[in-house]
Amino acid sequence: MAPWLDAVSDAMPSRYAAVALTEVGGHSLPTGTMWLDLSVVVGCVLLALLLGAATFRRQTV
């Protein structure tokens, strides 16, 4: 893979989700890699929710 494309794939949360699922499928107990990848995915979801919530205006009734 091209180096720039490999760098872009390292920043995508779907890569971490795929690695976490591979860890779950390959091990009977949770691993450190699985917890790290899961925390990256959860962090990206929370960041997206916060950024999405920040785009809406607050209206008082």
C-alpha atoms as a PDB file:
ATOM      1  CA  MET A   1       0.000   0.000   0.000  1.00  0.00           C
ATOM      2  CA  ALA A   2       1.197   3.512  -0.698  1.00  0.00           C
ATOM      3  CA  PRO A   3       2.658   5.204   2.405  1.00  0.00           C
ATOM      4  CA  TRP A   4       0.224   8.124   2.274  1.00  0.00           C
ATOM      5  CA  LEU A   5      -2.727   5.738   1.990  1.00  0.00           C
ATOM      6  CA  ASP A   6      -1.441   3.703   4.918  1.00  0.00           C
ATOM      7  CA  ALA A   7      -1.255   6.914   6.997  1.00  0.00           C
ATOM      8  CA  VAL A   8      -4.844   7.787   6.070  1.00  0.00           C
ATOM      9  CA  SER A   9      -6.062   4.302   6.996  1.00  0.00           C
ATOM     10  CA  ASP A  10      -4.402   4.613  10.419  1.00  0.00           C
ATOM     11  CA  ALA A  11      -6.649   7.604  11.150  1.00  0.00           C
ATOM     12  CA  MET A  12      -9.928   5.858  10.260  1.00  0.00           C
ATOM     13  CA  PRO A  13     -11.968   4.458  13.162  1.00  0.00           C
ATOM     14  CA  SER A  14     -13.255   1.604  10.975  1.00  0.00           C
ATOM     15  CA  ARG A  15      -9.742   0.144  10.948  1.00  0.00           C
ATOM     16  CA  TYR A  16      -9.727   0.046  14.737  1.00  0.00           C
ATOM     17  CA  ALA A  17     -13.190  -1.549  14.767  1.00  0.00           C
ATOM     18  CA  ALA A  18     -12.025  -4.268  12.372  1.00  0.00           C
ATOM     19  CA  VAL A  19      -8.943  -5.018  14.470  1.00  0.00           C
ATOM     20  CA  ALA A  20     -11.064  -5.135  17.645  1.00  0.00           C
ATOM     21  CA  LEU A  21     -13.463  -7.604  16.021  1.00  0.00           C
ATOM     22  CA  THR A  22     -10.526  -9.729  14.889  1.00  0.00           C
ATOM     23  CA  GLU A  23      -9.242  -9.770  18.466  1.00  0.00           C
ATOM     24  CA  VAL A  24     -12.672 -10.800  19.786  1.00  0.00           C
ATOM     25  CA  GLY A  25     -12.900 -13.600  17.225  1.00  0.00           C
ATOM     26  CA  GLY A  26      -9.405 -14.878  17.888  1.00  0.00           C
ATOM     27  CA  HIS A  27      -9.249 -14.808  21.682  1.00  0.00           C
ATOM     28  CA  SER A  28     -11.560 -16.129  24.354  1.00  0.00           C
ATOM     29  CA  LEU A  29     -10.705 -13.322  26.788  1.00  0.00           C
ATOM     30  CA  PRO A  30     -10.510  -9.561  26.178  1.00  0.00           C
ATOM     31  CA  THR A  31      -7.042  -8.383  25.153  1.00  0.00           C
ATOM     32  CA  GLY A  32      -5.264  -5.087  25.590  1.00  0.00           C
ATOM     33  CA  THR A  33      -5.391  -4.489  21.848  1.00  0.00           C
ATOM     34  CA  MET A  34      -9.151  -4.985  21.844  1.00  0.00           C
ATOM     35  CA  TRP A  35      -9.637  -2.481  24.681  1.00  0.00           C
ATOM     36  CA  LEU A  36      -7.378   0.068  22.980  1.00  0.00           C
ATOM     37  CA  ASP A  37      -9.168  -0.253  19.641  1.00  0.00           C
ATOM     38  CA  LEU A  38     -12.574  -0.151  21.305  1.00  0.00           C
ATOM     39  CA  SER A  39     -11.654   3.008  23.206  1.00  0.00           C
ATOM     40  CA  VAL A  40     -10.513   4.692  19.967  1.00  0.00           C
ATOM     41  CA  VAL A  41     -13.826   3.841  18.292  1.00  0.00           C
ATOM     42  CA  VAL A  42     -15.868   5.051  21.283  1.00  0.00           C
ATOM     43  CA  GLY A  43     -13.790   8.239  21.428  1.00  0.00           C
ATOM     44  CA  CYS A  44     -14.451   8.926  17.738  1.00  0.00           C
ATOM     45  CA  VAL A  45     -18.178   8.366  18.233  1.00  0.00           C
ATOM     46  CA  LEU A  46     -18.272  10.752  21.193  1.00  0.00           C
ATOM     47  CA  LEU A  47     -16.269  13.354  19.283  1.00  0.00           C
ATOM     48  CA  ALA A  48     -18.669  13.116  16.332  1.00  0.00           C
ATOM     49  CA  LEU A  49     -21.671  13.490  18.664  1.00  0.00           C
ATOM     50  CA  LEU A  50     -20.150  16.527  20.370  1.00  0.00           C
ATOM     51  CA  LEU A  51     -19.275  18.171  17.062  1.00  0.00           C
ATOM     52  CA  GLY A  52     -22.755  17.419  15.720  1.00  0.00           C
ATOM     53  CA  ALA A  53     -24.414  18.836  18.816  1.00  0.00           C
ATOM     54  CA  ALA A  54     -22.268  21.962  18.598  1.00  0.00           C
ATOM     55  CA  THR A  55     -23.569  22.724  15.104  1.00  0.00           C
ATOM     56  CA  PHE A  56     -27.172  23.104  16.242  1.00  0.00           C
ATOM     57  CA  ARG A  57     -28.371  26.424  17.587  1.00  0.00           C
ATOM     58  CA  ARG A  58     -29.976  26.518  20.960  1.00  0.00           C
ATOM     59  CA  GLN A  59     -33.459  27.958  20.925  1.00  0.00           C
ATOM     60  CA  THR A  60     -35.469  29.024  23.908  1.00  0.00           C
ATOM     61  CA  VAL A  61     -39.213  28.801  23.780  1.00  0.00           C
END
